[in-house]
Amino acid sequence: MSQKQVALLIGHRDATMLSKYEKGLLAPPLRTALKLMLLYRLPIQEIFTDEVSQAREELAKKVKTVRMTQPVLF
């Protein structure tokens, strides 16, 4: 599919925003990310790579300060 076709399928008029998502300049809104996940058959983590990395780092820091009864795997 072309960027224009994908853009139209996800509800955009042109490929400008899609290009920004693909370049990592902007994270798409969740609904748009879910559509992209379905169209491209990607795990959602691949669409939100930076956000997943940041969340993992934040959790790793918090796990050290919270007494856990179960090991945390992420």
PDB file of N, CA and C in Angstrom:
ATOM      1  N   MET A   1       0.837  -1.183   0.000  1.00  0.00           N
ATOM      2  CA  MET A   1       0.000   0.000   0.000  1.00  0.00           C
ATOM      3  C   MET A   1       0.882   1.247   0.000  1.00  0.00           C
ATOM      4  N   SER A   2       0.410   2.267  -0.643  1.00  0.00           N
ATOM      5  CA  SER A   2       1.125   3.538  -0.635  1.00  0.00           C
ATOM      6  C   SER A   2       0.803   4.282   0.664  1.00  0.00           C
ATOM      7  N   GLN A   3       1.629   5.272   0.995  1.00  0.00           N
ATOM      8  CA  GLN A   3       1.354   6.089   2.175  1.00  0.00           C
ATOM      9  C   GLN A   3       0.000   6.783   2.040  1.00  0.00           C
ATOM     10  N   LYS A   4      -0.309   7.248   0.852  1.00  0.00           N
ATOM     11  CA  LYS A   4      -1.590   7.928   0.615  1.00  0.00           C
ATOM     12  C   LYS A   4      -2.754   6.983   0.914  1.00  0.00           C
ATOM     13  N   GLN A   5      -2.649   5.732   0.442  1.00  0.00           N
ATOM     14  CA  GLN A   5      -3.718   4.758   0.682  1.00  0.00           C
ATOM     15  C   GLN A   5      -3.876   4.485   2.172  1.00  0.00           C
ATOM     16  N   VAL A   6      -2.756   4.269   2.853  1.00  0.00           N
ATOM     17  CA  VAL A   6      -2.813   4.011   4.298  1.00  0.00           C
ATOM     18  C   VAL A   6      -3.400   5.217   5.017  1.00  0.00           C
ATOM     19  N   ALA A   7      -2.956   6.404   4.645  1.00  0.00           N
ATOM     20  CA  ALA A   7      -3.470   7.625   5.271  1.00  0.00           C
ATOM     21  C   ALA A   7      -4.993   7.707   5.139  1.00  0.00           C
ATOM     22  N   LEU A   8      -5.491   7.443   3.960  1.00  0.00           N
ATOM     23  CA  LEU A   8      -6.946   7.481   3.754  1.00  0.00           C
ATOM     24  C   LEU A   8      -7.651   6.418   4.594  1.00  0.00           C
ATOM     25  N   LEU A   9      -7.063   5.225   4.677  1.00  0.00           N
ATOM     26  CA  LEU A   9      -7.672   4.152   5.465  1.00  0.00           C
ATOM     27  C   LEU A   9      -7.739   4.483   6.952  1.00  0.00           C
ATOM     28  N   ILE A  10      -6.745   5.215   7.461  1.00  0.00           N
ATOM     29  CA  ILE A  10      -6.755   5.541   8.890  1.00  0.00           C
ATOM     30  C   ILE A  10      -7.460   6.855   9.192  1.00  0.00           C
ATOM     31  N   GLY A  11      -7.998   7.494   8.146  1.00  0.00           N
ATOM     32  CA  GLY A  11      -8.818   8.678   8.364  1.00  0.00           C
ATOM     33  C   GLY A  11      -8.135  10.015   8.150  1.00  0.00           C
ATOM     34  N   HIS A  12      -6.977  10.012   7.492  1.00  0.00           N
ATOM     35  CA  HIS A  12      -6.292  11.268   7.189  1.00  0.00           C
ATOM     36  C   HIS A  12      -6.531  11.639   5.731  1.00  0.00           C
ATOM     37  N   ARG A  13      -6.454  12.930   5.432  1.00  0.00           N
ATOM     38  CA  ARG A  13      -6.662  13.405   4.053  1.00  0.00           C
ATOM     39  C   ARG A  13      -5.455  13.161   3.161  1.00  0.00           C
ATOM     40  N   ASP A  14      -4.254  13.211   3.788  1.00  0.00           N
ATOM     41  CA  ASP A  14      -3.026  12.995   3.019  1.00  0.00           C
ATOM     42  C   ASP A  14      -2.021  12.243   3.898  1.00  0.00           C
ATOM     43  N   ALA A  15      -0.826  12.042   3.367  1.00  0.00           N
ATOM     44  CA  ALA A  15       0.160  11.209   4.052  1.00  0.00           C
ATOM     45  C   ALA A  15       1.081  11.987   4.993  1.00  0.00           C
ATOM     46  N   THR A  16       0.832  13.264   5.198  1.00  0.00           N
ATOM     47  CA  THR A  16       1.727  14.086   6.018  1.00  0.00           C
ATOM     48  C   THR A  16       1.900  13.515   7.423  1.00  0.00           C
ATOM     49  N   MET A  17       0.813  13.256   8.121  1.00  0.00           N
ATOM     50  CA  MET A  17       0.893  12.749   9.491  1.00  0.00           C
ATOM     51  C   MET A  17       1.466  11.338   9.515  1.00  0.00           C
ATOM     52  N   LEU A  18       1.070  10.519   8.568  1.00  0.00           N
ATOM     53  CA  LEU A  18       1.590   9.152   8.503  1.00  0.00           C
ATOM     54  C   LEU A  18       3.110   9.182   8.360  1.00  0.00           C
ATOM     55  N   SER A  19       3.608  10.053   7.538  1.00  0.00           N
ATOM     56  CA  SER A  19       5.052  10.196   7.363  1.00  0.00           C
ATOM     57  C   SER A  19       5.716  10.570   8.690  1.00  0.00           C
ATOM     58  N   LYS A  20       5.097  11.452   9.454  1.00  0.00           N
ATOM     59  CA  LYS A  20       5.642  11.851  10.754  1.00  0.00           C
ATOM     60  C   LYS A  20       5.633  10.679  11.734  1.00  0.00           C
ATOM     61  N   TYR A  21       4.577   9.858  11.685  1.00  0.00           N
ATOM     62  CA  TYR A  21       4.529   8.675  12.544  1.00  0.00           C
ATOM     63  C   TYR A  21       5.658   7.718  12.165  1.00  0.00           C
ATOM     64  N   GLU A  22       5.818   7.490  10.883  1.00  0.00           N
ATOM     65  CA  GLU A  22       6.822   6.539  10.412  1.00  0.00           C
ATOM     66  C   GLU A  22       8.241   7.001  10.717  1.00  0.00           C
ATOM     67  N   LYS A  23       8.474   8.304  10.697  1.00  0.00           N
ATOM     68  CA  LYS A  23       9.809   8.840  10.992  1.00  0.00           C
ATOM     69  C   LYS A  23      10.076   8.947  12.494  1.00  0.00           C
ATOM     70  N   GLY A  24       9.054   8.692  13.302  1.00  0.00           N
ATOM     71  CA  GLY A  24       9.211   8.794  14.743  1.00  0.00           C
ATOM     72  C   GLY A  24       9.162  10.216  15.263  1.00  0.00           C
ATOM     73  N   LEU A  25       8.687  11.141  14.433  1.00  0.00           N
ATOM     74  CA  LEU A  25       8.582  12.537  14.855  1.00  0.00           C
ATOM     75  C   LEU A  25       7.385  12.762  15.759  1.00  0.00           C
ATOM     76  N   LEU A  26       6.356  11.952  15.573  1.00  0.00           N
ATOM     77  CA  LEU A  26       5.121  12.023  16.359  1.00  0.00           C
ATOM     78  C   LEU A  26       4.636  10.617  16.659  1.00  0.00           C
ATOM     79  N   ALA A  27       4.072  10.436  17.831  1.00  0.00           N
ATOM     80  CA  ALA A  27       3.404   9.177  18.142  1.00  0.00           C
ATOM     81  C   ALA A  27       1.935   9.335  17.757  1.00  0.00           C
ATOM     82  N   PRO A  28       1.374   8.348  17.083  1.00  0.00           N
ATOM     83  CA  PRO A  28      -0.034   8.458  16.710  1.00  0.00           C
ATOM     84  C   PRO A  28      -0.940   8.301  17.928  1.00  0.00           C
ATOM     85  N   PRO A  29      -2.136   8.867  17.864  1.00  0.00           N
ATOM     86  CA  PRO A  29      -3.116   8.606  18.923  1.00  0.00           C
ATOM     87  C   PRO A  29      -3.404   7.098  18.975  1.00  0.00           C
ATOM     88  N   LEU A  30      -3.861   6.627  20.103  1.00  0.00           N
ATOM     89  CA  LEU A  30      -4.064   5.184  20.293  1.00  0.00           C
ATOM     90  C   LEU A  30      -4.948   4.571  19.208  1.00  0.00           C
ATOM     91  N   ARG A  31      -6.065   5.186  18.902  1.00  0.00           N
ATOM     92  CA  ARG A  31      -6.985   4.641  17.892  1.00  0.00           C
ATOM     93  C   ARG A  31      -6.268   4.491  16.541  1.00  0.00           C
ATOM     94  N   THR A  32      -5.489   5.498  16.166  1.00  0.00           N
ATOM     95  CA  THR A  32      -4.732   5.452  14.913  1.00  0.00           C
ATOM     96  C   THR A  32      -3.667   4.363  14.979  1.00  0.00           C
ATOM     97  N   ALA A  33      -2.989   4.248  16.118  1.00  0.00           N
ATOM     98  CA  ALA A  33      -1.971   3.212  16.280  1.00  0.00           C
ATOM     99  C   ALA A  33      -2.579   1.817  16.147  1.00  0.00           C
ATOM    100  N   LEU A  34      -3.765   1.635  16.682  1.00  0.00           N
ATOM    101  CA  LEU A  34      -4.432   0.335  16.558  1.00  0.00           C
ATOM    102  C   LEU A  34      -4.764   0.022  15.102  1.00  0.00           C
ATOM    103  N   LYS A  35      -5.188   1.028  14.361  1.00  0.00           N
ATOM    104  CA  LYS A  35      -5.462   0.831  12.934  1.00  0.00           C
ATOM    105  C   LYS A  35      -4.175   0.472  12.191  1.00  0.00           C
ATOM    106  N   LEU A  36      -3.095   1.166  12.508  1.00  0.00           N
ATOM    107  CA  LEU A  36      -1.809   0.867  11.869  1.00  0.00           C
ATOM    108  C   LEU A  36      -1.330  -0.537  12.232  1.00  0.00           C
ATOM    109  N   MET A  37      -1.515  -0.918  13.480  1.00  0.00           N
ATOM    110  CA  MET A  37      -1.157  -2.257  13.930  1.00  0.00           C
ATOM    111  C   MET A  37      -1.871  -3.306  13.089  1.00  0.00           C
ATOM    112  N   LEU A  38      -3.159  -3.099  12.868  1.00  0.00           N
ATOM    113  CA  LEU A  38      -3.949  -4.051  12.089  1.00  0.00           C
ATOM    114  C   LEU A  38      -3.552  -4.050  10.612  1.00  0.00           C
ATOM    115  N   LEU A  39      -3.348  -2.866  10.052  1.00  0.00           N
ATOM    116  CA  LEU A  39      -2.987  -2.772   8.638  1.00  0.00           C
ATOM    117  C   LEU A  39      -1.614  -3.371   8.350  1.00  0.00           C
ATOM    118  N   TYR A  40      -0.647  -3.047   9.210  1.00  0.00           N
ATOM    119  CA  TYR A  40       0.724  -3.490   8.984  1.00  0.00           C
ATOM    120  C   TYR A  40       1.050  -4.830   9.641  1.00  0.00           C
ATOM    121  N   ARG A  41       0.097  -5.322  10.453  1.00  0.00           N
ATOM    122  CA  ARG A  41       0.300  -6.576  11.189  1.00  0.00           C
ATOM    123  C   ARG A  41       1.561  -6.500  12.053  1.00  0.00           C
ATOM    124  N   LEU A  42       1.619  -5.428  12.828  1.00  0.00           N
ATOM    125  CA  LEU A  42       2.743  -5.173  13.723  1.00  0.00           C
ATOM    126  C   LEU A  42       2.291  -5.286  15.174  1.00  0.00           C
ATOM    127  N   PRO A  43       3.192  -5.707  16.052  1.00  0.00           N
ATOM    128  CA  PRO A  43       2.872  -5.600  17.475  1.00  0.00           C
ATOM    129  C   PRO A  43       2.798  -4.121  17.851  1.00  0.00           C
ATOM    130  N   ILE A  44       1.935  -3.776  18.753  1.00  0.00           N
ATOM    131  CA  ILE A  44       1.733  -2.376  19.133  1.00  0.00           C
ATOM    132  C   ILE A  44       3.024  -1.754  19.670  1.00  0.00           C
ATOM    133  N   GLN A  45       3.907  -2.589  20.272  1.00  0.00           N
ATOM    134  CA  GLN A  45       5.171  -2.071  20.788  1.00  0.00           C
ATOM    135  C   GLN A  45       6.039  -1.475  19.682  1.00  0.00           C
ATOM    136  N   GLU A  46       5.913  -1.972  18.476  1.00  0.00           N
ATOM    137  CA  GLU A  46       6.714  -1.440  17.376  1.00  0.00           C
ATOM    138  C   GLU A  46       6.225  -0.063  16.940  1.00  0.00           C
ATOM    139  N   ILE A  47       4.988   0.234  17.203  1.00  0.00           N
ATOM    140  CA  ILE A  47       4.451   1.548  16.859  1.00  0.00           C
ATOM    141  C   ILE A  47       4.804   2.560  17.950  1.00  0.00           C
ATOM    142  N   PHE A  48       4.803   2.102  19.183  1.00  0.00           N
ATOM    143  CA  PHE A  48       5.114   2.966  20.321  1.00  0.00           C
ATOM    144  C   PHE A  48       6.472   2.624  20.918  1.00  0.00           C
ATOM    145  N   THR A  49       7.482   2.449  20.090  1.00  0.00           N
ATOM    146  CA  THR A  49       8.813   2.028  20.541  1.00  0.00           C
ATOM    147  C   THR A  49       9.366   2.936  21.638  1.00  0.00           C
ATOM    148  N   ASP A  50       9.365   4.233  21.404  1.00  0.00           N
ATOM    149  CA  ASP A  50       9.918   5.164  22.393  1.00  0.00           C
ATOM    150  C   ASP A  50       9.115   5.142  23.689  1.00  0.00           C
ATOM    151  N   GLU A  51       7.811   5.097  23.558  1.00  0.00           N
ATOM    152  CA  GLU A  51       6.954   5.104  24.744  1.00  0.00           C
ATOM    153  C   GLU A  51       7.154   3.832  25.566  1.00  0.00           C
ATOM    154  N   VAL A  52       7.294   2.689  24.904  1.00  0.00           N
ATOM    155  CA  VAL A  52       7.515   1.419  25.612  1.00  0.00           C
ATOM    156  C   VAL A  52       8.857   1.455  26.330  1.00  0.00           C
ATOM    157  N   SER A  53       9.887   1.951  25.674  1.00  0.00           N
ATOM    158  CA  SER A  53      11.215   2.044  26.307  1.00  0.00           C
ATOM    159  C   SER A  53      11.171   2.947  27.528  1.00  0.00           C
ATOM    160  N   GLN A  54      10.509   4.081  27.390  1.00  0.00           N
ATOM    161  CA  GLN A  54      10.407   5.019  28.507  1.00  0.00           C
ATOM    162  C   GLN A  54       9.628   4.400  29.669  1.00  0.00           C
ATOM    163  N   ALA A  55       8.533   3.729  29.376  1.00  0.00           N
ATOM    164  CA  ALA A  55       7.734   3.089  30.429  1.00  0.00           C
ATOM    165  C   ALA A  55       8.548   1.996  31.125  1.00  0.00           C
ATOM    166  N   ARG A  56       9.312   1.222  30.349  1.00  0.00           N
ATOM    167  CA  ARG A  56      10.144   0.170  30.925  1.00  0.00           C
ATOM    168  C   ARG A  56      11.184   0.761  31.874  1.00  0.00           C
ATOM    169  N   GLU A  57      11.833   1.854  31.471  1.00  0.00           N
ATOM    170  CA  GLU A  57      12.823   2.513  32.324  1.00  0.00           C
ATOM    171  C   GLU A  57      12.189   3.042  33.606  1.00  0.00           C
ATOM    172  N   GLU A  58      11.024   3.669  33.471  1.00  0.00           N
ATOM    173  CA  GLU A  58      10.328   4.206  34.646  1.00  0.00           C
ATOM    174  C   GLU A  58       9.949   3.089  35.616  1.00  0.00           C
ATOM    175  N   LEU A  59       9.449   1.990  35.071  1.00  0.00           N
ATOM    176  CA  LEU A  59       9.080   0.865  35.933  1.00  0.00           C
ATOM    177  C   LEU A  59      10.302   0.251  36.607  1.00  0.00           C
ATOM    178  N   ALA A  60      11.400   0.118  35.873  1.00  0.00           N
ATOM    179  CA  ALA A  60      12.616  -0.455  36.444  1.00  0.00           C
ATOM    180  C   ALA A  60      13.085   0.365  37.642  1.00  0.00           C
ATOM    181  N   LYS A  61      12.983   1.685  37.550  1.00  0.00           N
ATOM    182  CA  LYS A  61      13.364   2.552  38.668  1.00  0.00           C
ATOM    183  C   LYS A  61      12.412   2.372  39.849  1.00  0.00           C
ATOM    184  N   LYS A  62      11.125   2.281  39.569  1.00  0.00           N
ATOM    185  CA  LYS A  62      10.120   2.154  40.636  1.00  0.00           C
ATOM    186  C   LYS A  62      10.210   0.798  41.330  1.00  0.00           C
ATOM    187  N   VAL A  63      10.494  -0.258  40.567  1.00  0.00           N
ATOM    188  CA  VAL A  63      10.564  -1.605  41.135  1.00  0.00           C
ATOM    189  C   VAL A  63      11.625  -1.662  42.230  1.00  0.00           C
ATOM    190  N   LYS A  64      12.680  -0.900  42.073  1.00  0.00           N
ATOM    191  CA  LYS A  64      13.757  -0.891  43.067  1.00  0.00           C
ATOM    192  C   LYS A  64      13.321  -0.259  44.382  1.00  0.00           C
ATOM    193  N   THR A  65      12.290   0.560  44.348  1.00  0.00           N
ATOM    194  CA  THR A  65      11.855   1.262  45.557  1.00  0.00           C
ATOM    195  C   THR A  65      10.619   0.644  46.200  1.00  0.00           C
ATOM    196  N   VAL A  66       9.993  -0.288  45.533  1.00  0.00           N
ATOM    197  CA  VAL A  66       8.770  -0.904  46.046  1.00  0.00           C
ATOM    198  C   VAL A  66       9.067  -2.341  46.455  1.00  0.00           C
ATOM    199  N   ARG A  67       8.656  -2.712  47.655  1.00  0.00           N
ATOM    200  CA  ARG A  67       8.856  -4.079  48.128  1.00  0.00           C
ATOM    201  C   ARG A  67       7.879  -4.987  47.380  1.00  0.00           C
ATOM    202  N   MET A  68       8.422  -5.887  46.582  1.00  0.00           N
ATOM    203  CA  MET A  68       7.603  -6.759  45.736  1.00  0.00           C
ATOM    204  C   MET A  68       7.530  -8.157  46.339  1.00  0.00           C
ATOM    205  N   THR A  69       6.340  -8.760  46.288  1.00  0.00           N
ATOM    206  CA  THR A  69       6.194 -10.143  46.747  1.00  0.00           C
ATOM    207  C   THR A  69       6.378 -11.129  45.610  1.00  0.00           C
ATOM    208  N   GLN A  70       6.260 -10.647  44.395  1.00  0.00           N
ATOM    209  CA  GLN A  70       6.453 -11.449  43.189  1.00  0.00           C
ATOM    210  C   GLN A  70       7.499 -10.767  42.318  1.00  0.00           C
ATOM    211  N   PRO A  71       8.303 -11.551  41.587  1.00  0.00           N
ATOM    212  CA  PRO A  71       9.237 -10.905  40.669  1.00  0.00           C
ATOM    213  C   PRO A  71       8.495 -10.219  39.530  1.00  0.00           C
ATOM    214  N   VAL A  72       9.012  -9.100  39.076  1.00  0.00           N
ATOM    215  CA  VAL A  72       8.407  -8.352  37.993  1.00  0.00           C
ATOM    216  C   VAL A  72       9.209  -8.609  36.729  1.00  0.00           C
ATOM    217  N   LEU A  73       8.515  -9.071  35.692  1.00  0.00           N
ATOM    218  CA  LEU A  73       9.177  -9.363  34.421  1.00  0.00           C
ATOM    219  C   LEU A  73       8.672  -8.403  33.359  1.00  0.00           C
ATOM    220  N   PHE A  74       9.571  -7.661  32.766  1.00  0.00           N
ATOM    221  CA  PHE A  74       9.179  -6.781  31.664  1.00  0.00           C
ATOM    222  C   PHE A  74      10.364  -6.501  30.809  1.00  0.00           C
TER     223      PHE A  74
END
